[in-house]
Amino acid sequence: MKRLILNLIWVFALVACPQIFAQIPTPKQGMVYTSVQQAVMNKGTLLNLRNQELEEAPTELSKLPQLKFLNLMKNGLTSWNPSILELKKLEVLNIRQNKLTDVPTQIDRLENLIRLNLAKNNIEELPASLGNLSKLRLLHLTKNQLITLPTALGNLKSLRVLDIDKNKLTTIPDSFSKLTSLRSLIAGYNKIKVLPKEICEMKQLNKLNLEHNSLKALPENIGMMKGLHALILSSNQLKSLPESLTQLNQLELLILSNNKIAKMPEKLGQLAKLRTLILSGNPLSAQEKNRIKKALPQCDIRF
């Protein structure tokens, strides 16, 4: 069942929300260099230093002011070399799977950054200056040690995808309601107990993933999130759902497995576009299951 759910989430992201991926820039055509020396000699703009057993980023990076793409994934970096922060034209920075514990306050010097991947590190705190990256569209922070997030992240007006999966977060900042370009918010596998009602003002959000948290209830105004196509709430502590949930008229995927839900909202049939509903691991009676089936004849329902 777990693999099925993961596949559904991935397929949905590709099929139902292709715009999320289509509008995230990737490196343009050009020579991708695998050593700093080569890149310096040829004034390269694309540098891939992935999996080179580096303990720190090369200081020679400062000789590449034209660099737009830098991949430092799968190394042993424990700190930020100041040379990285001199790359003013950098658009893509991937430092995934290293040993970083912080992000420098001067990160906003990378003013042209569009994609930033800091996943699989040991980062415990983010600087407020991260919110100054006005061009940032994709931010990966999964598998770190984050307990809180700065409210300044709400200033990332261009952000389209935010992945804060697998951290130690207990809440989501109210300021996220100001992320007017955000389409996908992935916040599963944390310790989130309460979802601020302000989050429901994100009418443009297509995908909200809050699986494996500690939610006991959803905001009564969740029906305001009119743009939602996918809502993933499996493995929480939900006992009931707000009636306003039935106002999510664009919803296609709803995953509620492994909660404590005994009854679904009365007007469930209003979810006319719902195609997949997963309710396994909930204490639903046979009568309630029959009612759900009748209310959603177009839907693939898993009990």
C-alpha atoms as a PDB file:
ATOM      1  CA  MET A   1       0.000   0.000   0.000  1.00  0.00           C
ATOM      2  CA  LYS A   2       2.836   2.416   0.865  1.00  0.00           C
ATOM      3  CA  ARG A   3       4.450   1.900  -2.550  1.00  0.00           C
ATOM      4  CA  LEU A   4       1.061   2.386  -4.223  1.00  0.00           C
ATOM      5  CA  ILE A   5       0.564   5.690  -2.417  1.00  0.00           C
ATOM      6  CA  LEU A   6       4.051   6.906  -3.352  1.00  0.00           C
ATOM      7  CA  ASN A   7       3.426   6.014  -6.992  1.00  0.00           C
ATOM      8  CA  LEU A   8       0.090   7.834  -6.961  1.00  0.00           C
ATOM      9  CA  ILE A   9       1.704  10.965  -5.538  1.00  0.00           C
ATOM     10  CA  TRP A  10       4.507  10.928  -8.132  1.00  0.00           C
ATOM     11  CA  VAL A  11       2.246  10.212 -11.090  1.00  0.00           C
ATOM     12  CA  PHE A  12      -0.128  12.924  -9.963  1.00  0.00           C
ATOM     13  CA  ALA A  13       2.689  15.454  -9.751  1.00  0.00           C
ATOM     14  CA  LEU A  14       3.777  14.702 -13.317  1.00  0.00           C
ATOM     15  CA  VAL A  15       0.369  14.376 -14.947  1.00  0.00           C
ATOM     16  CA  ALA A  16      -1.916  16.732 -13.073  1.00  0.00           C
ATOM     17  CA  CYS A  17       0.591  19.498 -12.324  1.00  0.00           C
ATOM     18  CA  PRO A  18       3.154  19.490 -15.150  1.00  0.00           C
ATOM     19  CA  GLN A  19       3.420  23.265 -14.907  1.00  0.00           C
ATOM     20  CA  ILE A  20       5.258  22.905 -11.602  1.00  0.00           C
ATOM     21  CA  PHE A  21       8.111  21.089 -13.324  1.00  0.00           C
ATOM     22  CA  ALA A  22       7.905  22.722 -16.733  1.00  0.00           C
ATOM     23  CA  GLN A  23       8.502  26.200 -15.332  1.00  0.00           C
ATOM     24  CA  ILE A  24      11.523  25.292 -13.223  1.00  0.00           C
ATOM     25  CA  PRO A  25      14.622  26.195 -15.249  1.00  0.00           C
ATOM     26  CA  THR A  26      17.295  23.589 -15.922  1.00  0.00           C
ATOM     27  CA  PRO A  27      20.860  24.225 -17.142  1.00  0.00           C
ATOM     28  CA  LYS A  28      20.944  25.532 -20.676  1.00  0.00           C
ATOM     29  CA  GLN A  29      22.978  23.826 -23.342  1.00  0.00           C
ATOM     30  CA  GLY A  30      26.712  24.097 -22.887  1.00  0.00           C
ATOM     31  CA  MET A  31      29.757  22.186 -21.733  1.00  0.00           C
ATOM     32  CA  VAL A  32      29.442  20.782 -18.218  1.00  0.00           C
ATOM     33  CA  TYR A  33      32.899  20.763 -16.606  1.00  0.00           C
ATOM     34  CA  THR A  34      33.929  18.379 -13.838  1.00  0.00           C
ATOM     35  CA  SER A  35      36.960  20.271 -12.557  1.00  0.00           C
ATOM     36  CA  VAL A  36      37.377  23.880 -11.502  1.00  0.00           C
ATOM     37  CA  GLN A  37      40.596  24.200 -13.491  1.00  0.00           C
ATOM     38  CA  GLN A  38      38.872  23.207 -16.747  1.00  0.00           C
ATOM     39  CA  ALA A  39      36.004  25.573 -16.069  1.00  0.00           C
ATOM     40  CA  VAL A  40      38.371  28.480 -15.324  1.00  0.00           C
ATOM     41  CA  MET A  41      40.411  27.856 -18.490  1.00  0.00           C
ATOM     42  CA  ASN A  42      37.308  27.778 -20.667  1.00  0.00           C
ATOM     43  CA  LYS A  43      35.222  30.355 -18.798  1.00  0.00           C
ATOM     44  CA  GLY A  44      32.598  27.688 -18.221  1.00  0.00           C
ATOM     45  CA  THR A  45      29.162  28.390 -16.805  1.00  0.00           C
ATOM     46  CA  LEU A  46      28.267  24.812 -15.779  1.00  0.00           C
ATOM     47  CA  LEU A  47      30.303  22.957 -13.139  1.00  0.00           C
ATOM     48  CA  ASN A  48      29.552  19.473 -11.797  1.00  0.00           C
ATOM     49  CA  LEU A  49      31.649  18.469  -8.758  1.00  0.00           C
ATOM     50  CA  ARG A  50      29.302  15.733  -7.625  1.00  0.00           C
ATOM     51  CA  ASN A  51      30.711  12.843  -5.584  1.00  0.00           C
ATOM     52  CA  GLN A  52      34.343  13.970  -5.624  1.00  0.00           C
ATOM     53  CA  GLU A  53      35.040  13.408  -1.910  1.00  0.00           C
ATOM     54  CA  LEU A  54      35.500  17.126  -1.309  1.00  0.00           C
ATOM     55  CA  GLU A  55      35.729  18.254   2.319  1.00  0.00           C
ATOM     56  CA  GLU A  56      35.319  21.888   1.337  1.00  0.00           C
ATOM     57  CA  ALA A  57      34.371  23.751  -1.817  1.00  0.00           C
ATOM     58  CA  PRO A  58      37.389  24.888  -3.877  1.00  0.00           C
ATOM     59  CA  THR A  59      38.487  28.481  -3.242  1.00  0.00           C
ATOM     60  CA  GLU A  60      39.140  28.722  -6.995  1.00  0.00           C
ATOM     61  CA  LEU A  61      35.385  29.033  -7.498  1.00  0.00           C
ATOM     62  CA  SER A  62      35.903  32.765  -7.036  1.00  0.00           C
ATOM     63  CA  LYS A  63      37.625  32.732 -10.453  1.00  0.00           C
ATOM     64  CA  LEU A  64      34.323  31.742 -12.088  1.00  0.00           C
ATOM     65  CA  PRO A  65      32.191  34.908 -11.825  1.00  0.00           C
ATOM     66  CA  GLN A  66      30.178  33.781 -14.854  1.00  0.00           C
ATOM     67  CA  LEU A  67      29.143  30.424 -13.282  1.00  0.00           C
ATOM     68  CA  LYS A  68      25.402  29.686 -13.475  1.00  0.00           C
ATOM     69  CA  PHE A  69      25.217  26.037 -12.410  1.00  0.00           C
ATOM     70  CA  LEU A  70      27.125  24.413  -9.531  1.00  0.00           C
ATOM     71  CA  ASN A  71      26.613  20.836  -8.333  1.00  0.00           C
ATOM     72  CA  LEU A  72      28.387  19.861  -5.098  1.00  0.00           C
ATOM     73  CA  MET A  73      26.100  16.943  -4.290  1.00  0.00           C
ATOM     74  CA  LYS A  74      27.412  13.879  -2.402  1.00  0.00           C
ATOM     75  CA  ASN A  75      30.603  15.291  -0.958  1.00  0.00           C
ATOM     76  CA  GLY A  76      31.758  15.784   2.624  1.00  0.00           C
ATOM     77  CA  LEU A  77      31.299  19.532   2.984  1.00  0.00           C
ATOM     78  CA  THR A  78      30.966  20.642   6.615  1.00  0.00           C
ATOM     79  CA  SER A  79      31.053  24.403   6.027  1.00  0.00           C
ATOM     80  CA  TRP A  80      30.468  27.003   3.330  1.00  0.00           C
ATOM     81  CA  ASN A  81      33.548  28.263   1.524  1.00  0.00           C
ATOM     82  CA  PRO A  82      33.135  32.051   1.027  1.00  0.00           C
ATOM     83  CA  SER A  83      34.009  31.510  -2.637  1.00  0.00           C
ATOM     84  CA  ILE A  84      30.503  30.115  -3.214  1.00  0.00           C
ATOM     85  CA  LEU A  85      28.933  33.386  -2.102  1.00  0.00           C
ATOM     86  CA  GLU A  86      30.946  35.303  -4.716  1.00  0.00           C
ATOM     87  CA  LEU A  87      29.109  33.576  -7.580  1.00  0.00           C
ATOM     88  CA  LYS A  88      26.687  36.437  -8.224  1.00  0.00           C
ATOM     89  CA  LYS A  89      25.372  34.969 -11.496  1.00  0.00           C
ATOM     90  CA  LEU A  90      24.657  31.525 -10.043  1.00  0.00           C
ATOM     91  CA  GLU A  91      21.144  30.258 -10.865  1.00  0.00           C
ATOM     92  CA  VAL A  92      21.323  26.635  -9.695  1.00  0.00           C
ATOM     93  CA  LEU A  93      23.117  25.476  -6.536  1.00  0.00           C
ATOM     94  CA  ASN A  94      22.959  21.826  -5.446  1.00  0.00           C
ATOM     95  CA  ILE A  95      24.652  20.968  -2.133  1.00  0.00           C
ATOM     96  CA  ARG A  96      22.466  17.952  -1.414  1.00  0.00           C
ATOM     97  CA  GLN A  97      23.840  15.121   0.725  1.00  0.00           C
ATOM     98  CA  ASN A  98      26.731  16.789   2.523  1.00  0.00           C
ATOM     99  CA  LYS A  99      27.395  17.512   6.205  1.00  0.00           C
ATOM    100  CA  LEU A 100      26.404  21.154   6.479  1.00  0.00           C
ATOM    101  CA  THR A 101      24.914  22.334   9.777  1.00  0.00           C
ATOM    102  CA  ASP A 102      23.983  25.886   8.802  1.00  0.00           C
ATOM    103  CA  VAL A 103      23.343  28.325   5.974  1.00  0.00           C
ATOM    104  CA  PRO A 104      25.342  31.593   5.921  1.00  0.00           C
ATOM    105  CA  THR A 105      23.483  34.844   6.506  1.00  0.00           C
ATOM    106  CA  GLN A 106      25.141  36.155   3.330  1.00  0.00           C
ATOM    107  CA  ILE A 107      23.223  33.606   1.221  1.00  0.00           C
ATOM    108  CA  ASP A 108      21.234  36.500  -0.235  1.00  0.00           C
ATOM    109  CA  ARG A 109      24.365  37.608  -2.104  1.00  0.00           C
ATOM    110  CA  LEU A 110      23.385  34.892  -4.614  1.00  0.00           C
ATOM    111  CA  GLU A 111      20.689  37.209  -5.903  1.00  0.00           C
ATOM    112  CA  ASN A 112      20.091  35.334  -9.172  1.00  0.00           C
ATOM    113  CA  LEU A 113      19.522  31.947  -7.556  1.00  0.00           C
ATOM    114  CA  ILE A 114      16.528  30.067  -8.999  1.00  0.00           C
ATOM    115  CA  ARG A 115      17.055  26.562  -7.600  1.00  0.00           C
ATOM    116  CA  LEU A 116      18.598  25.737  -4.225  1.00  0.00           C
ATOM    117  CA  ASN A 117      18.961  22.145  -3.032  1.00  0.00           C
ATOM    118  CA  LEU A 118      20.120  21.705   0.571  1.00  0.00           C
ATOM    119  CA  ALA A 119      18.475  18.326   1.180  1.00  0.00           C
ATOM    120  CA  LYS A 120      20.119  15.569   3.246  1.00  0.00           C
ATOM    121  CA  ASN A 121      22.386  17.719   5.390  1.00  0.00           C
ATOM    122  CA  ASN A 122      22.317  18.442   9.133  1.00  0.00           C
ATOM    123  CA  ILE A 123      21.015  21.994   8.957  1.00  0.00           C
ATOM    124  CA  GLU A 124      19.372  23.070  12.216  1.00  0.00           C
ATOM    125  CA  GLU A 125      18.449  26.657  11.421  1.00  0.00           C
ATOM    126  CA  LEU A 126      17.880  28.916   8.421  1.00  0.00           C
ATOM    127  CA  PRO A 127      18.794  32.618   8.253  1.00  0.00           C
ATOM    128  CA  ALA A 128      16.080  35.195   7.650  1.00  0.00           C
ATOM    129  CA  SER A 129      18.176  36.462   4.722  1.00  0.00           C
ATOM    130  CA  LEU A 130      17.090  33.392   2.741  1.00  0.00           C
ATOM    131  CA  GLY A 131      13.822  35.245   2.245  1.00  0.00           C
ATOM    132  CA  ASN A 132      15.637  37.883   0.176  1.00  0.00           C
ATOM    133  CA  LEU A 133      16.220  35.516  -2.764  1.00  0.00           C
ATOM    134  CA  SER A 134      13.502  37.103  -4.867  1.00  0.00           C
ATOM    135  CA  LYS A 135      14.095  34.883  -7.930  1.00  0.00           C
ATOM    136  CA  LEU A 136      14.117  31.544  -6.088  1.00  0.00           C
ATOM    137  CA  ARG A 137      11.581  29.077  -7.517  1.00  0.00           C
ATOM    138  CA  LEU A 138      12.578  25.749  -6.000  1.00  0.00           C
ATOM    139  CA  LEU A 139      13.844  25.132  -2.460  1.00  0.00           C
ATOM    140  CA  HIS A 140      14.703  21.619  -1.244  1.00  0.00           C
ATOM    141  CA  LEU A 141      15.263  21.204   2.504  1.00  0.00           C
ATOM    142  CA  THR A 142      14.184  17.608   3.041  1.00  0.00           C
ATOM    143  CA  LYS A 143      16.045  15.416   5.557  1.00  0.00           C
ATOM    144  CA  ASN A 144      17.644  18.066   7.734  1.00  0.00           C
ATOM    145  CA  GLN A 145      17.291  18.892  11.451  1.00  0.00           C
ATOM    146  CA  LEU A 146      15.062  21.957  11.184  1.00  0.00           C
ATOM    147  CA  ILE A 147      12.829  22.665  14.182  1.00  0.00           C
ATOM    148  CA  THR A 148      11.482  26.039  13.040  1.00  0.00           C
ATOM    149  CA  LEU A 149      11.410  28.092   9.848  1.00  0.00           C
ATOM    150  CA  PRO A 150      11.980  31.865   9.627  1.00  0.00           C
ATOM    151  CA  THR A 151       8.870  33.905   8.883  1.00  0.00           C
ATOM    152  CA  ALA A 152      10.961  35.679   6.231  1.00  0.00           C
ATOM    153  CA  LEU A 153      10.502  32.660   3.938  1.00  0.00           C
ATOM    154  CA  GLY A 154       7.090  34.150   3.241  1.00  0.00           C
ATOM    155  CA  ASN A 155       8.876  36.821   1.195  1.00  0.00           C
ATOM    156  CA  LEU A 156       9.899  34.338  -1.523  1.00  0.00           C
ATOM    157  CA  LYS A 157       7.381  35.649  -4.046  1.00  0.00           C
ATOM    158  CA  SER A 158       8.713  33.534  -6.944  1.00  0.00           C
ATOM    159  CA  LEU A 159       8.838  30.228  -5.044  1.00  0.00           C
ATOM    160  CA  ARG A 160       6.866  27.456  -6.738  1.00  0.00           C
ATOM    161  CA  VAL A 161       8.060  24.288  -4.969  1.00  0.00           C
ATOM    162  CA  LEU A 162       9.019  23.995  -1.292  1.00  0.00           C
ATOM    163  CA  ASP A 163      10.122  20.649   0.138  1.00  0.00           C
ATOM    164  CA  ILE A 164      10.553  20.624   3.932  1.00  0.00           C
ATOM    165  CA  ASP A 165       9.890  16.895   4.271  1.00  0.00           C
ATOM    166  CA  LYS A 166      11.532  14.817   7.017  1.00  0.00           C
ATOM    167  CA  ASN A 167      12.611  17.480   9.499  1.00  0.00           C
ATOM    168  CA  LYS A 168      11.545  18.188  13.100  1.00  0.00           C
ATOM    169  CA  LEU A 169       9.072  20.978  12.437  1.00  0.00           C
ATOM    170  CA  THR A 170       6.158  21.462  14.822  1.00  0.00           C
ATOM    171  CA  THR A 171       4.386  24.177  12.859  1.00  0.00           C
ATOM    172  CA  ILE A 172       4.312  26.055   9.560  1.00  0.00           C
ATOM    173  CA  PRO A 173       4.755  29.852   9.669  1.00  0.00           C
ATOM    174  CA  ASP A 174       1.629  31.957   9.090  1.00  0.00           C
ATOM    175  CA  SER A 175       3.711  33.977   6.642  1.00  0.00           C
ATOM    176  CA  PHE A 176       3.542  31.114   4.127  1.00  0.00           C
ATOM    177  CA  SER A 177       0.166  32.531   3.132  1.00  0.00           C
ATOM    178  CA  LYS A 178       2.147  35.235   1.294  1.00  0.00           C
ATOM    179  CA  LEU A 179       3.834  32.697  -1.013  1.00  0.00           C
ATOM    180  CA  THR A 180       1.593  33.666  -3.908  1.00  0.00           C
ATOM    181  CA  SER A 181       3.483  31.641  -6.538  1.00  0.00           C
ATOM    182  CA  LEU A 182       3.756  28.413  -4.521  1.00  0.00           C
ATOM    183  CA  ARG A 183       2.222  25.384  -6.228  1.00  0.00           C
ATOM    184  CA  SER A 184       3.634  22.466  -4.214  1.00  0.00           C
ATOM    185  CA  LEU A 185       4.237  22.321  -0.447  1.00  0.00           C
ATOM    186  CA  ILE A 186       5.738  19.056   0.807  1.00  0.00           C
ATOM    187  CA  ALA A 187       5.902  18.942   4.608  1.00  0.00           C
ATOM    188  CA  GLY A 188       5.474  15.274   5.459  1.00  0.00           C
ATOM    189  CA  TYR A 189       7.319  13.334   8.167  1.00  0.00           C
ATOM    190  CA  ASN A 190       7.569  16.182  10.662  1.00  0.00           C
ATOM    191  CA  LYS A 191       5.924  16.817  14.046  1.00  0.00           C
ATOM    192  CA  ILE A 192       3.352  19.365  12.949  1.00  0.00           C
ATOM    193  CA  LYS A 193       0.424  19.469  15.377  1.00  0.00           C
ATOM    194  CA  VAL A 194      -1.520  22.474  14.118  1.00  0.00           C
ATOM    195  CA  LEU A 195      -2.009  23.912  10.653  1.00  0.00           C
ATOM    196  CA  PRO A 196      -2.448  27.716  10.846  1.00  0.00           C
ATOM    197  CA  LYS A 197      -5.725  28.929   9.367  1.00  0.00           C
ATOM    198  CA  GLU A 198      -3.746  31.509   7.375  1.00  0.00           C
ATOM    199  CA  ILE A 199      -2.298  28.682   5.274  1.00  0.00           C
ATOM    200  CA  CYS A 200      -5.748  28.148   3.793  1.00  0.00           C
ATOM    201  CA  GLU A 201      -5.436  31.519   2.054  1.00  0.00           C
ATOM    202  CA  MET A 202      -3.046  29.853  -0.417  1.00  0.00           C
ATOM    203  CA  LYS A 203      -5.676  29.527  -3.133  1.00  0.00           C
ATOM    204  CA  GLN A 204      -3.076  28.907  -5.837  1.00  0.00           C
ATOM    205  CA  LEU A 205      -1.552  25.818  -4.144  1.00  0.00           C
ATOM    206  CA  ASN A 206      -1.961  22.617  -6.219  1.00  0.00           C
ATOM    207  CA  LYS A 207      -0.400  20.032  -3.907  1.00  0.00           C
ATOM    208  CA  LEU A 208      -0.250  19.883  -0.105  1.00  0.00           C
ATOM    209  CA  ASN A 209       1.516  16.931   1.501  1.00  0.00           C
ATOM    210  CA  LEU A 210       1.328  16.660   5.304  1.00  0.00           C
ATOM    211  CA  GLU A 211       1.611  12.896   5.706  1.00  0.00           C
ATOM    212  CA  HIS A 212       3.139  11.433   8.876  1.00  0.00           C
ATOM    213  CA  ASN A 213       2.624  14.403  11.187  1.00  0.00           C
ATOM    214  CA  SER A 214       0.622  14.853  14.409  1.00  0.00           C
ATOM    215  CA  LEU A 215      -2.403  16.767  13.118  1.00  0.00           C
ATOM    216  CA  LYS A 216      -5.561  16.246  15.175  1.00  0.00           C
ATOM    217  CA  ALA A 217      -7.715  18.633  13.157  1.00  0.00           C
ATOM    218  CA  LEU A 218      -7.730  20.741  10.009  1.00  0.00           C
ATOM    219  CA  PRO A 219      -8.605  24.452   9.842  1.00  0.00           C
ATOM    220  CA  GLU A 220     -12.331  25.028   9.340  1.00  0.00           C
ATOM    221  CA  ASN A 221     -11.546  27.267   6.358  1.00  0.00           C
ATOM    222  CA  ILE A 222      -9.620  24.628   4.390  1.00  0.00           C
ATOM    223  CA  GLY A 223     -12.274  24.932   1.689  1.00  0.00           C
ATOM    224  CA  MET A 224     -10.645  28.232   0.681  1.00  0.00           C
ATOM    225  CA  MET A 225      -7.781  26.336  -0.966  1.00  0.00           C
ATOM    226  CA  LYS A 226      -9.603  26.223  -4.289  1.00  0.00           C
ATOM    227  CA  GLY A 227      -6.534  25.336  -6.348  1.00  0.00           C
ATOM    228  CA  LEU A 228      -5.787  22.050  -4.562  1.00  0.00           C
ATOM    229  CA  HIS A 229      -5.555  19.009  -6.833  1.00  0.00           C
ATOM    230  CA  ALA A 230      -3.826  16.739  -4.305  1.00  0.00           C
ATOM    231  CA  LEU A 231      -4.204  16.636  -0.515  1.00  0.00           C
ATOM    232  CA  ILE A 232      -2.141  14.043   1.353  1.00  0.00           C
ATOM    233  CA  LEU A 233      -2.854  13.616   5.072  1.00  0.00           C
ATOM    234  CA  SER A 234      -2.073   9.963   5.747  1.00  0.00           C
ATOM    235  CA  SER A 235      -0.724   8.854   9.138  1.00  0.00           C
ATOM    236  CA  ASN A 236      -1.920  11.735  11.294  1.00  0.00           C
ATOM    237  CA  GLN A 237      -4.390  11.761  14.201  1.00  0.00           C
ATOM    238  CA  LEU A 238      -7.447  13.155  12.440  1.00  0.00           C
ATOM    239  CA  LYS A 239     -10.813  12.113  13.872  1.00  0.00           C
ATOM    240  CA  SER A 240     -12.990  14.234  11.607  1.00  0.00           C
ATOM    241  CA  LEU A 241     -12.793  16.600   8.646  1.00  0.00           C
ATOM    242  CA  PRO A 242     -14.259  20.105   8.221  1.00  0.00           C
ATOM    243  CA  GLU A 243     -17.387  20.246   6.079  1.00  0.00           C
ATOM    244  CA  SER A 244     -15.681  22.959   4.014  1.00  0.00           C
ATOM    245  CA  LEU A 245     -13.363  20.258   2.623  1.00  0.00           C
ATOM    246  CA  THR A 246     -16.148  19.447   0.163  1.00  0.00           C
ATOM    247  CA  GLN A 247     -15.662  22.898  -1.391  1.00  0.00           C
ATOM    248  CA  LEU A 248     -12.326  21.823  -2.892  1.00  0.00           C
ATOM    249  CA  ASN A 249     -13.895  21.411  -6.316  1.00  0.00           C
ATOM    250  CA  GLN A 250     -10.580  20.849  -8.140  1.00  0.00           C
ATOM    251  CA  LEU A 251      -9.450  18.021  -5.852  1.00  0.00           C
ATOM    252  CA  GLU A 252      -8.447  14.826  -7.685  1.00  0.00           C
ATOM    253  CA  LEU A 253      -6.355  12.954  -5.105  1.00  0.00           C
ATOM    254  CA  LEU A 254      -7.207  12.670  -1.391  1.00  0.00           C
ATOM    255  CA  ILE A 255      -5.146  10.389   0.844  1.00  0.00           C
ATOM    256  CA  LEU A 256      -6.405   9.959   4.424  1.00  0.00           C
ATOM    257  CA  SER A 257      -5.108   6.505   5.304  1.00  0.00           C
ATOM    258  CA  ASN A 258      -4.100   5.619   8.871  1.00  0.00           C
ATOM    259  CA  ASN A 259      -6.065   8.230  10.774  1.00  0.00           C
ATOM    260  CA  LYS A 260      -8.988   7.927  13.226  1.00  0.00           C
ATOM    261  CA  ILE A 261     -11.779   9.032  10.904  1.00  0.00           C
ATOM    262  CA  ALA A 262     -15.124   7.321  11.518  1.00  0.00           C
ATOM    263  CA  LYS A 263     -17.276   9.598   9.364  1.00  0.00           C
ATOM    264  CA  MET A 264     -16.656  11.648   6.232  1.00  0.00           C
ATOM    265  CA  PRO A 265     -18.294  15.049   5.532  1.00  0.00           C
ATOM    266  CA  GLU A 266     -21.985  14.943   4.607  1.00  0.00           C
ATOM    267  CA  LYS A 267     -21.621  16.723   1.262  1.00  0.00           C
ATOM    268  CA  LEU A 268     -18.810  14.483   0.039  1.00  0.00           C
ATOM    269  CA  GLY A 269     -20.532  14.148  -3.332  1.00  0.00           C
ATOM    270  CA  GLN A 270     -19.603  17.744  -4.167  1.00  0.00           C
ATOM    271  CA  LEU A 271     -16.055  16.563  -4.883  1.00  0.00           C
ATOM    272  CA  ALA A 272     -16.992  15.887  -8.499  1.00  0.00           C
ATOM    273  CA  LYS A 273     -13.401  15.782  -9.800  1.00  0.00           C
ATOM    274  CA  LEU A 274     -12.092  13.416  -7.129  1.00  0.00           C
ATOM    275  CA  ARG A 275     -10.564  10.366  -8.819  1.00  0.00           C
ATOM    276  CA  THR A 276      -8.655   8.648  -6.009  1.00  0.00           C
ATOM    277  CA  LEU A 277      -9.629   8.433  -2.335  1.00  0.00           C
ATOM    278  CA  ILE A 278      -7.571   6.330   0.073  1.00  0.00           C
ATOM    279  CA  LEU A 279      -9.168   5.659   3.471  1.00  0.00           C
ATOM    280  CA  SER A 280      -7.471   2.452   4.589  1.00  0.00           C
ATOM    281  CA  GLY A 281      -6.638   2.229   8.284  1.00  0.00           C
ATOM    282  CA  ASN A 282      -9.638   4.256   9.506  1.00  0.00           C
ATOM    283  CA  PRO A 283     -12.511   2.994  11.752  1.00  0.00           C
ATOM    284  CA  LEU A 284     -15.232   3.352   9.113  1.00  0.00           C
ATOM    285  CA  SER A 285     -18.394   1.296   9.526  1.00  0.00           C
ATOM    286  CA  ALA A 286     -19.809  -0.766   6.666  1.00  0.00           C
ATOM    287  CA  GLN A 287     -22.704   1.683   6.465  1.00  0.00           C
ATOM    288  CA  GLU A 288     -20.369   4.659   6.165  1.00  0.00           C
ATOM    289  CA  LYS A 289     -18.321   2.916   3.472  1.00  0.00           C
ATOM    290  CA  ASN A 290     -21.468   2.328   1.429  1.00  0.00           C
ATOM    291  CA  ARG A 291     -22.470   5.978   1.791  1.00  0.00           C
ATOM    292  CA  ILE A 292     -19.045   7.092   0.572  1.00  0.00           C
ATOM    293  CA  LYS A 293     -19.230   4.783  -2.457  1.00  0.00           C
ATOM    294  CA  LYS A 294     -22.655   6.133  -3.426  1.00  0.00           C
ATOM    295  CA  ALA A 295     -21.548   9.738  -2.983  1.00  0.00           C
ATOM    296  CA  LEU A 296     -18.478   9.284  -5.216  1.00  0.00           C
ATOM    297  CA  PRO A 297     -19.368   6.846  -8.023  1.00  0.00           C
ATOM    298  CA  GLN A 298     -16.615   8.256 -10.275  1.00  0.00           C
ATOM    299  CA  CYS A 299     -13.909   7.666  -7.675  1.00  0.00           C
ATOM    300  CA  ASP A 300     -11.431   4.837  -7.081  1.00  0.00           C
ATOM    301  CA  ILE A 301     -11.823   4.297  -3.326  1.00  0.00           C
ATOM    302  CA  ARG A 302      -9.483   2.189  -1.195  1.00  0.00           C
ATOM    303  CA  PHE A 303     -10.700   1.119   2.266  1.00  0.00           C
END
